[in-house]
Amino acid sequence: MGSKRKNLHVRIEEDTYEKLRHLTFYERSSISEVVRRLIIEYLEEKAIDEPDFVAPPRL
């Protein structure tokens, strides 16, 4: 069974979008793939630096 995916819509500055577009061209990936990878990398780093940030205690 595959993992479920959720849609995420964001607004970014035009210059940030152009940088992202260039990155996707060089990596031969879609914008969605690159953004997904960057978010995962960020959250993994946060989990190492601040474990409570990404896994708060359940109430």
C-alpha atoms as a PDB file:
ATOM      1  CA  MET A   1       0.000   0.000   0.000  1.00  0.00           C
ATOM      2  CA  GLY A   2       1.411   3.423  -0.987  1.00  0.00           C
ATOM      3  CA  SER A   3       1.714   6.360   1.333  1.00  0.00           C
ATOM      4  CA  LYS A   4      -1.003   8.988   1.312  1.00  0.00           C
ATOM      5  CA  ARG A   5      -0.137  12.422  -0.005  1.00  0.00           C
ATOM      6  CA  LYS A   6      -1.704  15.750   0.823  1.00  0.00           C
ATOM      7  CA  ASN A   7      -1.838  18.796  -1.411  1.00  0.00           C
ATOM      8  CA  LEU A   8       0.061  21.865  -0.283  1.00  0.00           C
ATOM      9  CA  HIS A   9      -0.344  25.236  -1.946  1.00  0.00           C
ATOM     10  CA  VAL A  10       2.181  27.964  -1.177  1.00  0.00           C
ATOM     11  CA  ARG A  11       2.943  31.426  -2.453  1.00  0.00           C
ATOM     12  CA  ILE A  12       6.577  32.422  -2.870  1.00  0.00           C
ATOM     13  CA  GLU A  13       8.385  35.466  -4.176  1.00  0.00           C
ATOM     14  CA  GLU A  14       9.084  35.557  -7.898  1.00  0.00           C
ATOM     15  CA  ASP A  15      12.869  35.511  -7.459  1.00  0.00           C
ATOM     16  CA  THR A  16      12.605  32.450  -5.186  1.00  0.00           C
ATOM     17  CA  TYR A  17      10.449  30.749  -7.797  1.00  0.00           C
ATOM     18  CA  GLU A  18      13.028  31.443 -10.515  1.00  0.00           C
ATOM     19  CA  LYS A  19      15.800  29.968  -8.372  1.00  0.00           C
ATOM     20  CA  LEU A  20      13.636  26.930  -7.721  1.00  0.00           C
ATOM     21  CA  ARG A  21      12.850  26.594 -11.420  1.00  0.00           C
ATOM     22  CA  HIS A  22      16.564  26.673 -12.302  1.00  0.00           C
ATOM     23  CA  LEU A  23      17.326  24.081  -9.638  1.00  0.00           C
ATOM     24  CA  THR A  24      14.654  21.761 -11.010  1.00  0.00           C
ATOM     25  CA  PHE A  25      16.076  22.157 -14.502  1.00  0.00           C
ATOM     26  CA  TYR A  26      19.579  21.152 -13.395  1.00  0.00           C
ATOM     27  CA  GLU A  27      18.290  18.267 -11.267  1.00  0.00           C
ATOM     28  CA  ARG A  28      15.864  17.184 -13.991  1.00  0.00           C
ATOM     29  CA  SER A  29      13.070  17.008 -11.455  1.00  0.00           C
ATOM     30  CA  SER A  30       9.684  18.604 -11.089  1.00  0.00           C
ATOM     31  CA  ILE A  31       9.119  21.528  -8.759  1.00  0.00           C
ATOM     32  CA  SER A  32       6.943  19.272  -6.602  1.00  0.00           C
ATOM     33  CA  GLU A  33       9.714  16.697  -6.253  1.00  0.00           C
ATOM     34  CA  VAL A  34      12.306  19.292  -5.284  1.00  0.00           C
ATOM     35  CA  VAL A  35      10.029  21.057  -2.788  1.00  0.00           C
ATOM     36  CA  ARG A  36       9.036  17.701  -1.256  1.00  0.00           C
ATOM     37  CA  ARG A  37      12.724  16.728  -0.898  1.00  0.00           C
ATOM     38  CA  LEU A  38      13.673  20.097   0.616  1.00  0.00           C
ATOM     39  CA  ILE A  39      10.846  19.932   3.159  1.00  0.00           C
ATOM     40  CA  ILE A  40      11.810  16.386   4.155  1.00  0.00           C
ATOM     41  CA  GLU A  41      15.482  17.368   4.538  1.00  0.00           C
ATOM     42  CA  TYR A  42      14.513  20.384   6.653  1.00  0.00           C
ATOM     43  CA  LEU A  43      12.270  18.331   8.927  1.00  0.00           C
ATOM     44  CA  GLU A  44      14.909  15.622   9.332  1.00  0.00           C
ATOM     45  CA  GLU A  45      17.458  18.248  10.406  1.00  0.00           C
ATOM     46  CA  LYS A  46      14.931  19.765  12.803  1.00  0.00           C
ATOM     47  CA  ALA A  47      14.241  16.316  14.269  1.00  0.00           C
ATOM     48  CA  ILE A  48      17.943  15.910  15.026  1.00  0.00           C
ATOM     49  CA  ASP A  49      18.426  19.421  16.434  1.00  0.00           C
ATOM     50  CA  GLU A  50      15.065  19.758  18.195  1.00  0.00           C
ATOM     51  CA  PRO A  51      13.281  16.385  18.621  1.00  0.00           C
ATOM     52  CA  ASP A  52      10.292  17.962  20.393  1.00  0.00           C
ATOM     53  CA  PHE A  53       9.694  20.305  17.458  1.00  0.00           C
ATOM     54  CA  VAL A  54       8.665  17.599  14.985  1.00  0.00           C
ATOM     55  CA  ALA A  55       7.320  15.086  17.484  1.00  0.00           C
ATOM     56  CA  PRO A  56       5.459  16.977  20.210  1.00  0.00           C
ATOM     57  CA  PRO A  57       4.086  14.939  23.102  1.00  0.00           C
ATOM     58  CA  ARG A  58       0.577  13.591  22.618  1.00  0.00           C
ATOM     59  CA  LEU A  59      -2.065  15.042  24.867  1.00  0.00           C
END
